[in-house]
Amino acid sequence: MTGDGRVAAAMERAAGGATAPFGWTPLVAMVLVTLVDRIESSVVAGVLPLLQDEWGFSDSAGGAIPAAVGIAGLVVTLPAGRLADRVDRRRLVAGVVASWSLIIAGSGLATGFAMFFATRVVLGAADSLEGPSAASALADYYPPRARARVYGYHRMATFAGAPLGALLGGVVGELFGWRWAFFFMIVPGLMVAWFVRRLPEPRRGEVDRLVAWAGIAGDTSETGDTGPDASATVAPEPALPSPTTLRADLRLLTRIPTVARLYLGLLVLFFGLGGVAFWLPSFFERTYDVGESAAAALAAGIGLVGVGTGATVGGVLGDRWHGVRPGARLLIGGGGQLLGSSALLAAFALDPLALRAPLLALALALASLGIPTLSAAIADVLPTRRRGVGFALLNFVVALGGSLGPLAVGGLSDAFGSLTAALGTLALPVAAGSLIVLSARRTYEDDAAAVLADALAVDDFDGTGAVDDTRR
């Protein structure tokens, strides 16, 4: 079946109420993209002690390495979102993944800290290009009622990739040298790029329109009206949004109350989580006097158990309670983060590893309840034809928070003379982020309803791409 035929068949299934009209292959592909990307990015955490031994840089300089992604994001992320709203997203994602799979070799060939840092900037730019397209496409592959689970698995790959990357870096670095930890990632990246390129490209906003129609049509037996002809509304290429400036797009998005609150809350949250994820292998190596591979394995086990449990439970609850309890997705995510901050503070206050390890896993599990629910909530309240820019801004916020967290911990560690004390302070931003997220419950339902109402507008689906932005 051709790409257009697969899209038409998927829209027929969506009109019939299918949870996954395109099947689960698109989700698997985008999860693999994120997983491979995060594993490669997090290899740095596993080989950090080896890099410091070879080049002799401080904790502050080590904490600045993740900031390379944030630096690139300042330049690339928002324009990448504009691009995601205008081009074939699966082609863009596949091309970017194939490119950075080859650029990875630069990290392994670096001869000094400056060259190594520069390669991270380039890779961060590539990551910023594909992220908005992948997240935007998922919202068009799957309807709102499935998005908590969909974004749960997608975001879980980000957090699962972090400990796996640290583990890979620690084990391969100790056995074969740190350079081979980067070379190892080239082939998986190229394979994933090929997989993504074979996906169909969904039309922007079509699934939302069919869901919105089903919500208002009710019983059509008396009128004989069966709703829109799904196959007739599918165009071979996605329509373009009406021409606007990037500033106008950002102004439109930040005027939506729920969007603004969630961005701010997630910025503060990922500041805390990013600091923990990056420094945890080094923390175990220094505190318990173990080797790089053992420290990385311990951090990876805690991360995988905590994040895997939290994201899975959050995805199930987020979809089950969606539409049943007002603002349920935000209550689950924000409440989990608030409880998680307490567990995080206790974990770094108690010294025995037998208490510290399970408390860290619990803290990550509670905080990870928000991974699926908050990502789905953002997809619910972003205008369908501005999701590329919206997810670009989200990725920028997450990358910025995740970059500043390790940098702050490194600086505090040098200032306090204690990595433990520096990590303990991260409980404060996690708690602050949860309160901001919970405040968004007041506006979430109205903003989500407005997106579905917009999806029914004829001018959004007449093939011209015209959008009446005055409604938002």
Protein backbone atom coordinates (compact mmCIF):
# COMPACT_ATOMS: atom_id res chain seq x y z
CA MET A 1 0.00 0.00 0.00
CA THR A 2 1.27 3.47 -0.87
CA GLY A 3 1.91 6.14 1.76
CA ASP A 4 -1.27 8.02 0.78
CA GLY A 5 -3.25 4.79 0.95
CA ARG A 6 -1.95 3.99 4.42
CA VAL A 7 -2.92 7.47 5.64
CA ALA A 8 -6.42 7.16 4.14
CA ALA A 9 -6.93 3.75 5.75
CA ALA A 10 -5.71 5.09 9.10
CA MET A 11 -8.19 7.98 8.96
CA GLU A 12 -11.02 5.53 8.32
CA ARG A 13 -9.96 3.66 11.46
CA ALA A 14 -9.70 6.94 13.41
CA ALA A 15 -13.24 7.88 12.35
CA GLY A 16 -14.33 4.52 13.73
CA GLY A 17 -12.82 5.27 17.14
CA ALA A 18 -9.53 3.34 16.88
CA THR A 19 -7.05 4.05 19.66
CA ALA A 20 -4.08 3.57 17.32
CA PRO A 21 -5.31 4.23 13.76
CA PHE A 22 -1.77 4.02 12.33
CA GLY A 23 -0.89 1.07 14.55
CA TRP A 24 1.91 1.16 17.10
CA THR A 25 4.81 1.19 14.63
CA PRO A 26 5.11 5.04 14.60
CA LEU A 27 5.36 5.06 18.40
CA VAL A 28 8.03 2.34 18.35
CA ALA A 29 10.02 4.26 15.74
CA MET A 30 9.91 7.57 17.63
CA VAL A 31 10.74 5.84 20.92
CA LEU A 32 13.82 4.30 19.29
CA VAL A 33 14.87 7.70 17.95
CA THR A 34 14.70 9.22 21.42
CA LEU A 35 16.28 6.19 23.10
CA VAL A 36 19.32 6.09 20.81
CA ASP A 37 19.73 9.86 21.08
CA ARG A 38 19.55 9.86 24.90
CA ILE A 39 21.88 6.89 25.23
CA GLU A 40 24.51 8.66 23.14
CA SER A 41 24.06 11.93 25.03
CA SER A 42 24.35 10.21 28.40
CA VAL A 43 27.46 8.21 27.56
CA VAL A 44 29.28 11.33 28.78
CA ALA A 45 28.06 10.76 32.35
CA GLY A 46 29.49 7.22 32.36
CA VAL A 47 32.91 8.21 31.00
CA LEU A 48 33.15 11.51 32.90
CA PRO A 49 35.67 10.22 35.49
CA LEU A 50 37.85 8.92 32.65
CA LEU A 51 37.64 12.25 30.81
CA GLN A 52 38.57 14.15 33.97
CA ASP A 53 41.53 11.81 34.56
CA GLU A 54 42.78 12.35 31.00
CA TRP A 55 42.18 16.09 30.63
CA GLY A 56 42.14 17.22 34.28
CA PHE A 57 39.11 19.55 34.26
CA SER A 58 37.00 20.53 37.30
CA ASP A 59 33.45 19.57 38.30
CA SER A 60 32.26 22.97 37.08
CA ALA A 61 33.68 22.26 33.63
CA GLY A 62 32.23 18.74 33.73
CA GLY A 63 28.81 20.10 34.58
CA ALA A 64 29.07 22.47 31.62
CA ILE A 65 29.21 19.60 29.10
CA PRO A 66 25.41 19.01 29.10
CA ALA A 67 24.99 22.76 28.58
CA ALA A 68 26.22 22.15 25.03
CA VAL A 69 22.72 20.94 24.18
CA GLY A 70 21.22 24.09 25.67
CA ILE A 71 23.62 26.30 23.71
CA ALA A 72 22.63 24.65 20.46
CA GLY A 73 18.98 24.83 21.45
CA LEU A 74 19.16 28.60 21.77
CA VAL A 75 19.92 28.81 18.06
CA VAL A 76 18.19 25.80 16.52
CA THR A 77 15.17 24.61 18.50
CA LEU A 78 12.56 27.26 17.73
CA PRO A 79 13.34 27.47 13.99
CA ALA A 80 13.20 23.66 14.00
CA GLY A 81 9.66 23.89 15.34
CA ARG A 82 8.67 26.18 12.47
CA LEU A 83 10.18 23.65 10.09
CA ALA A 84 8.22 20.82 11.74
CA ASP A 85 4.98 22.66 10.97
CA ARG A 86 5.85 22.90 7.26
CA VAL A 87 7.68 19.80 6.02
CA ASP A 88 7.34 16.02 5.94
CA ARG A 89 8.26 15.21 9.52
CA ARG A 90 9.30 11.58 9.13
CA ARG A 91 11.80 12.58 6.39
CA LEU A 92 13.21 15.34 8.58
CA VAL A 93 13.59 13.03 11.59
CA ALA A 94 15.21 10.26 9.52
CA GLY A 95 17.65 12.66 7.87
CA VAL A 96 18.69 14.25 11.14
CA VAL A 97 19.17 10.91 12.91
CA ALA A 98 21.33 9.61 10.06
CA SER A 99 23.43 12.78 10.18
CA TRP A 100 24.10 12.81 13.91
CA SER A 101 24.89 9.09 13.83
CA LEU A 102 27.93 10.01 11.75
CA ILE A 103 28.78 13.16 13.73
CA ILE A 104 29.05 11.02 16.88
CA ALA A 105 32.47 9.90 15.68
CA GLY A 106 33.72 13.42 16.42
CA SER A 107 33.25 12.88 20.15
CA GLY A 108 35.34 9.73 20.07
CA LEU A 109 38.08 11.41 18.03
CA ALA A 110 38.39 14.52 20.26
CA THR A 111 41.93 15.33 21.38
CA GLY A 112 41.04 17.81 24.14
CA PHE A 113 38.21 19.25 26.20
CA ALA A 114 37.50 22.16 23.83
CA MET A 115 37.16 19.88 20.80
CA PHE A 116 34.98 17.47 22.76
CA PHE A 117 32.71 20.28 23.94
CA ALA A 118 32.37 21.56 20.36
CA THR A 119 31.16 18.18 19.11
CA ARG A 120 28.51 18.15 21.84
CA VAL A 121 27.23 21.51 20.58
CA VAL A 122 26.89 20.14 17.05
CA LEU A 123 25.11 17.01 18.28
CA GLY A 124 22.84 19.15 20.45
CA ALA A 125 21.83 21.12 17.37
CA ALA A 126 20.93 17.90 15.54
CA ASP A 127 18.86 16.72 18.49
CA SER A 128 17.00 20.04 18.53
CA LEU A 129 16.08 19.59 14.87
CA GLU A 130 14.38 16.22 15.20
CA GLY A 131 12.68 16.57 18.58
CA PRO A 132 9.80 18.93 17.64
CA SER A 133 8.96 16.92 14.50
CA ALA A 134 8.81 13.63 16.38
CA ALA A 135 6.61 14.99 19.17
CA SER A 136 4.33 16.84 16.74
CA ALA A 137 3.88 13.75 14.55
CA LEU A 138 2.88 11.60 17.54
CA ALA A 139 -0.04 13.96 18.24
CA ASP A 140 -1.25 13.31 14.67
CA TYR A 141 -0.69 9.57 14.81
CA TYR A 142 -2.73 9.08 18.01
CA PRO A 143 -5.99 10.60 19.40
CA PRO A 144 -6.18 12.46 22.74
CA ARG A 145 -7.40 9.49 24.78
CA ALA A 146 -4.22 7.53 23.98
CA ARG A 147 -1.70 10.36 24.32
CA ALA A 148 -0.73 9.87 27.97
CA ARG A 149 0.52 6.37 27.22
CA VAL A 150 2.02 7.40 23.88
CA TYR A 151 3.96 10.34 25.31
CA GLY A 152 4.71 8.28 28.39
CA TYR A 153 6.64 5.71 26.37
CA HIS A 154 8.20 8.43 24.21
CA ARG A 155 9.38 10.51 27.18
CA MET A 156 10.30 7.39 29.13
CA ALA A 157 12.84 6.68 26.42
CA THR A 158 14.50 9.98 27.31
CA PHE A 159 14.88 8.96 30.95
CA ALA A 160 15.62 5.29 30.25
CA GLY A 161 18.28 6.32 27.77
CA ALA A 162 20.08 8.40 30.38
CA PRO A 163 20.98 5.53 32.76
CA LEU A 164 21.56 3.13 29.85
CA GLY A 165 23.97 5.61 28.29
CA ALA A 166 25.78 6.08 31.57
CA LEU A 167 26.01 2.30 31.96
CA LEU A 168 27.30 1.87 28.42
CA GLY A 169 29.87 4.60 28.93
CA GLY A 170 31.06 3.18 32.24
CA VAL A 171 31.35 -0.43 31.10
CA VAL A 172 32.75 0.13 27.61
CA GLY A 173 34.97 2.96 28.84
CA GLU A 174 36.51 0.82 31.55
CA LEU A 175 37.01 -2.20 29.27
CA PHE A 176 38.03 -0.63 25.96
CA GLY A 177 38.58 3.09 26.60
CA TRP A 178 36.11 5.96 26.59
CA ARG A 179 36.37 6.63 22.82
CA TRP A 180 34.79 3.28 21.91
CA ALA A 181 31.69 4.13 23.94
CA PHE A 182 30.87 6.79 21.32
CA PHE A 183 31.87 4.74 18.27
CA PHE A 184 29.47 2.02 19.45
CA MET A 185 26.45 4.28 18.82
CA ILE A 186 26.96 4.89 15.08
CA VAL A 187 25.30 1.74 13.68
CA PRO A 188 22.15 1.80 15.87
CA GLY A 189 21.52 5.40 14.81
CA LEU A 190 21.69 4.57 11.10
CA MET A 191 19.33 1.61 11.55
CA VAL A 192 16.75 3.74 13.36
CA ALA A 193 16.92 6.41 10.64
CA TRP A 194 16.03 3.79 8.02
CA PHE A 195 13.10 2.60 10.16
CA VAL A 196 11.63 6.10 10.55
CA ARG A 197 11.91 6.88 6.84
CA ARG A 198 9.48 4.05 6.08
CA LEU A 199 6.64 5.54 8.15
CA PRO A 200 3.61 7.30 6.58
CA GLU A 201 3.26 11.06 7.20
CA PRO A 202 -0.03 11.92 9.00
CA ARG A 203 -1.96 15.04 8.10
CA ARG A 204 -1.79 17.74 10.78
CA GLY A 205 -4.84 17.96 13.03
CA GLU A 206 -6.94 15.36 11.20
CA VAL A 207 -7.21 12.98 14.15
CA ASP A 208 -8.31 15.86 16.41
CA ARG A 209 -10.98 16.88 13.92
CA LEU A 210 -12.43 13.36 13.77
CA VAL A 211 -12.40 13.11 17.57
CA ALA A 212 -14.07 16.51 17.91
CA TRP A 213 -16.74 15.54 15.38
CA ALA A 214 -17.45 12.31 17.26
CA GLY A 215 -17.82 14.31 20.46
CA ILE A 216 -20.52 16.62 19.11
CA ALA A 217 -22.29 14.37 16.62
CA GLY A 218 -23.87 12.08 19.18
CA ASP A 219 -26.65 9.90 17.82
CA THR A 220 -26.90 10.54 14.08
CA SER A 221 -29.55 7.91 13.37
CA GLU A 222 -32.33 10.45 12.87
CA THR A 223 -30.51 12.72 10.44
CA GLY A 224 -28.50 10.06 8.68
CA ASP A 225 -25.42 12.24 9.06
CA THR A 226 -22.41 9.99 9.60
CA GLY A 227 -19.89 12.79 10.00
CA PRO A 228 -17.02 13.72 7.72
CA ASP A 229 -15.75 11.34 5.08
CA ALA A 230 -12.37 10.51 6.56
CA SER A 231 -10.86 9.21 3.34
CA ALA A 232 -11.96 12.25 1.38
CA THR A 233 -10.29 14.67 3.77
CA VAL A 234 -6.85 13.11 3.56
CA ALA A 235 -4.43 15.04 1.37
CA PRO A 236 -1.29 13.41 -0.04
CA GLU A 237 0.84 16.12 1.56
CA PRO A 238 0.12 17.96 4.83
CA ALA A 239 -1.26 21.46 4.33
CA LEU A 240 0.90 24.37 5.40
CA PRO A 241 -0.02 26.77 8.19
CA SER A 242 -0.82 30.31 7.21
CA PRO A 243 2.37 32.40 6.96
CA THR A 244 3.34 33.97 10.27
CA THR A 245 6.50 35.06 11.98
CA LEU A 246 8.16 33.01 14.70
CA ARG A 247 7.45 35.85 17.11
CA ALA A 248 3.75 35.69 16.26
CA ASP A 249 3.70 31.91 16.80
CA LEU A 250 5.38 32.24 20.19
CA ARG A 251 3.04 35.05 21.22
CA LEU A 252 0.06 32.89 20.25
CA LEU A 253 1.32 29.95 22.32
CA THR A 254 2.35 31.87 25.42
CA ARG A 255 -1.06 33.56 25.56
CA ILE A 256 -2.58 30.14 26.28
CA PRO A 257 -2.55 30.03 30.12
CA THR A 258 -2.01 26.27 30.51
CA VAL A 259 0.88 26.22 28.04
CA ALA A 260 2.73 29.03 29.79
CA ARG A 261 2.36 27.42 33.24
CA LEU A 262 3.43 23.97 32.07
CA TYR A 263 6.51 25.32 30.32
CA LEU A 264 7.61 27.15 33.46
CA GLY A 265 6.86 24.21 35.73
CA LEU A 266 8.76 21.77 33.51
CA LEU A 267 11.73 24.12 33.22
CA VAL A 268 12.17 24.06 36.99
CA LEU A 269 11.46 20.32 37.25
CA PHE A 270 14.04 19.30 34.65
CA PHE A 271 16.59 21.57 36.28
CA GLY A 272 16.39 19.21 39.24
CA LEU A 273 16.10 15.91 37.39
CA GLY A 274 18.87 16.81 34.96
CA GLY A 275 21.28 17.50 37.79
CA VAL A 276 20.53 14.17 39.46
CA ALA A 277 20.76 12.09 36.28
CA PHE A 278 24.10 13.53 35.18
CA TRP A 279 25.95 13.40 38.50
CA LEU A 280 24.57 10.18 40.01
CA PRO A 281 27.29 7.83 38.59
CA SER A 282 30.05 10.15 39.83
CA PHE A 283 28.27 10.45 43.19
CA PHE A 284 28.29 6.67 43.70
CA GLU A 285 31.90 6.35 42.57
CA ARG A 286 33.09 8.99 45.05
CA THR A 287 30.81 8.14 47.97
CA TYR A 288 31.14 4.35 47.97
CA ASP A 289 34.58 3.99 46.35
CA VAL A 290 33.52 1.77 43.45
CA GLY A 291 34.72 1.65 39.83
CA GLU A 292 33.15 3.44 36.86
CA SER A 293 31.22 0.40 35.63
CA ALA A 294 29.81 -0.47 39.08
CA ALA A 295 28.80 3.15 39.75
CA ALA A 296 27.19 3.44 36.31
CA ALA A 297 25.35 0.13 36.75
CA LEU A 298 23.96 1.21 40.12
CA ALA A 299 22.80 4.55 38.75
CA ALA A 300 21.32 2.84 35.69
CA GLY A 301 19.40 0.31 37.78
CA ILE A 302 17.91 3.02 39.98
CA GLY A 303 17.02 5.14 36.97
CA LEU A 304 15.41 2.35 34.97
CA VAL A 305 13.35 1.00 37.86
CA GLY A 306 12.25 4.44 39.02
CA VAL A 307 11.50 6.01 35.67
CA GLY A 308 10.06 2.85 34.13
CA THR A 309 7.64 2.35 37.00
CA GLY A 310 6.58 5.99 37.24
CA ALA A 311 6.11 6.56 33.52
CA THR A 312 4.15 3.33 33.06
CA VAL A 313 1.80 4.01 35.97
CA GLY A 314 1.43 7.65 34.98
CA GLY A 315 0.52 6.73 31.41
CA VAL A 316 -2.17 4.28 32.46
CA LEU A 317 -3.70 6.61 35.04
CA GLY A 318 -3.42 9.62 32.75
CA ASP A 319 -5.49 7.96 30.02
CA ARG A 320 -7.90 6.20 32.38
CA TRP A 321 -8.82 9.39 34.25
CA HIS A 322 -8.71 11.71 31.23
CA GLY A 323 -12.17 13.16 30.69
CA VAL A 324 -13.36 11.65 33.98
CA ARG A 325 -11.67 13.88 36.54
CA PRO A 326 -11.05 17.54 35.65
CA GLY A 327 -7.34 18.26 35.22
CA ALA A 328 -6.45 14.68 36.20
CA ARG A 329 -3.29 14.62 34.10
CA LEU A 330 -1.92 17.68 35.87
CA LEU A 331 -2.93 16.42 39.30
CA ILE A 332 -1.10 13.13 38.72
CA GLY A 333 2.03 14.80 37.37
CA GLY A 334 2.23 17.72 39.78
CA GLY A 335 1.29 15.66 42.83
CA GLY A 336 3.88 13.02 41.99
CA GLN A 337 6.60 15.63 41.64
CA LEU A 338 5.74 17.18 44.98
CA LEU A 339 5.99 13.82 46.76
CA GLY A 340 9.10 12.96 44.76
CA SER A 341 10.91 16.07 45.98
CA SER A 342 10.49 14.90 49.58
CA ALA A 343 11.88 11.46 48.74
CA LEU A 344 14.80 13.08 46.90
CA LEU A 345 15.69 15.23 49.89
CA ALA A 346 15.57 12.20 52.20
CA ALA A 347 17.74 10.16 49.83
CA PHE A 348 20.67 12.56 50.04
CA ALA A 349 20.20 13.11 53.78
CA LEU A 350 20.50 9.41 54.66
CA ASP A 351 23.91 7.82 54.16
CA PRO A 352 23.44 4.02 54.11
CA LEU A 353 23.21 2.76 50.54
CA ALA A 354 20.48 0.29 51.58
CA LEU A 355 18.23 3.30 52.33
CA ARG A 356 19.57 5.73 49.74
CA ALA A 357 19.09 3.52 46.67
CA PRO A 358 15.39 2.69 47.20
CA LEU A 359 14.63 6.30 48.15
CA LEU A 360 16.23 7.53 44.94
CA ALA A 361 14.22 5.00 42.93
CA LEU A 362 11.05 6.12 44.71
CA ALA A 363 11.82 9.78 44.07
CA LEU A 364 12.33 9.14 40.36
CA ALA A 365 9.18 7.01 40.15
CA LEU A 366 7.02 9.70 41.74
CA ALA A 367 8.51 12.49 39.62
CA SER A 368 8.14 10.34 36.49
CA LEU A 369 4.38 10.15 36.88
CA GLY A 370 4.42 13.50 35.11
CA ILE A 371 6.43 12.31 32.10
CA PRO A 372 3.40 10.94 30.22
CA THR A 373 0.68 13.07 31.77
CA LEU A 374 2.27 16.49 31.27
CA SER A 375 3.48 15.70 27.74
CA ALA A 376 -0.04 14.59 26.82
CA ALA A 377 -1.53 17.67 28.50
CA ILE A 378 0.70 19.95 26.43
CA ALA A 379 -0.33 18.13 23.23
CA ASP A 380 -3.98 18.58 24.27
CA VAL A 381 -3.72 22.37 24.60
CA LEU A 382 -1.42 23.22 21.66
CA PRO A 383 -3.19 24.43 18.49
CA THR A 384 -2.98 21.59 15.99
CA ARG A 385 -1.12 23.61 13.34
CA ARG A 386 1.32 25.14 15.79
CA ARG A 387 2.38 21.91 17.53
CA GLY A 388 5.78 21.93 15.85
CA VAL A 389 6.65 25.30 17.36
CA GLY A 390 4.95 24.33 20.62
CA PHE A 391 6.98 21.17 21.06
CA ALA A 392 10.11 23.00 19.94
CA LEU A 393 9.60 25.46 22.77
CA LEU A 394 8.95 22.53 25.13
CA ASN A 395 12.15 20.80 24.01
CA PHE A 396 14.06 24.02 24.49
CA VAL A 397 12.65 24.40 28.01
CA VAL A 398 13.48 20.79 28.90
CA ALA A 399 16.98 21.03 27.40
CA LEU A 400 17.64 24.34 29.14
CA GLY A 401 16.53 23.01 32.52
CA GLY A 402 18.38 19.74 31.99
CA SER A 403 21.54 21.63 31.03
CA LEU A 404 21.52 24.19 33.83
CA GLY A 405 20.90 21.53 36.49
CA PRO A 406 24.24 19.67 36.00
CA LEU A 407 26.05 23.00 35.68
CA ALA A 408 24.55 24.26 38.96
CA VAL A 409 25.38 21.01 40.78
CA GLY A 410 28.98 21.13 39.54
CA GLY A 411 29.37 24.73 40.73
CA LEU A 412 27.77 24.02 44.11
CA SER A 413 29.92 20.92 44.53
CA ASP A 414 33.08 22.99 44.07
CA ALA A 415 31.71 25.71 46.37
CA PHE A 416 30.51 23.36 49.16
CA GLY A 417 33.28 20.81 48.75
CA SER A 418 30.52 18.19 48.76
CA LEU A 419 28.70 16.63 45.81
CA THR A 420 26.15 15.16 48.26
CA ALA A 421 25.14 18.58 49.56
CA ALA A 422 24.93 19.97 46.03
CA LEU A 423 22.61 17.16 44.91
CA GLY A 424 20.40 17.53 47.99
CA THR A 425 19.55 21.11 47.06
CA LEU A 426 17.82 19.90 43.88
CA ALA A 427 14.75 18.87 45.89
CA LEU A 428 13.78 22.54 46.08
CA PRO A 429 13.34 23.20 42.34
CA VAL A 430 11.49 19.89 41.90
CA ALA A 431 8.99 20.97 44.56
CA ALA A 432 8.65 24.45 43.08
CA GLY A 433 8.00 23.01 39.62
CA SER A 434 5.23 20.79 40.96
CA LEU A 435 3.36 23.75 42.46
CA ILE A 436 3.45 25.62 39.15
CA VAL A 437 2.16 22.54 37.32
CA LEU A 438 -0.71 22.10 39.77
CA SER A 439 -1.74 25.72 39.26
CA ALA A 440 -2.40 24.95 35.57
CA ARG A 441 -5.40 22.80 36.50
CA ARG A 442 -7.53 25.95 36.62
CA THR A 443 -7.22 26.51 32.87
CA TYR A 444 -6.46 23.11 31.34
CA GLU A 445 -9.98 21.91 30.55
CA ASP A 446 -10.99 25.14 28.82
CA ASP A 447 -7.78 25.28 26.76
CA ALA A 448 -8.10 21.62 25.69
CA ALA A 449 -11.73 22.15 24.67
CA ALA A 450 -10.70 25.17 22.58
CA VAL A 451 -8.26 23.00 20.57
CA LEU A 452 -11.01 20.51 19.68
CA ALA A 453 -13.35 23.35 18.78
CA ASP A 454 -10.71 24.82 16.47
CA ALA A 455 -10.20 21.42 14.86
CA LEU A 456 -13.80 21.50 13.61
CA ALA A 457 -13.36 24.83 11.82
CA VAL A 458 -13.73 24.43 8.08
CA ASP A 459 -10.87 26.78 7.25
CA ASP A 460 -8.42 24.56 9.11
CA PHE A 461 -9.20 21.63 6.79
CA ASP A 462 -9.99 23.08 3.39
CA GLY A 463 -6.59 22.18 2.01
CA THR A 464 -5.31 25.74 2.04
CA GLY A 465 -3.88 25.63 5.52
CA ALA A 466 -5.57 28.89 6.49
CA VAL A 467 -5.90 29.26 10.24
CA ASP A 468 -7.98 31.85 12.01
CA ASP A 469 -5.59 32.59 14.86
CA THR A 470 -7.93 35.18 16.31
CA ARG A 471 -9.85 32.35 17.96
CA ARG A 472 -6.87 31.67 20.23
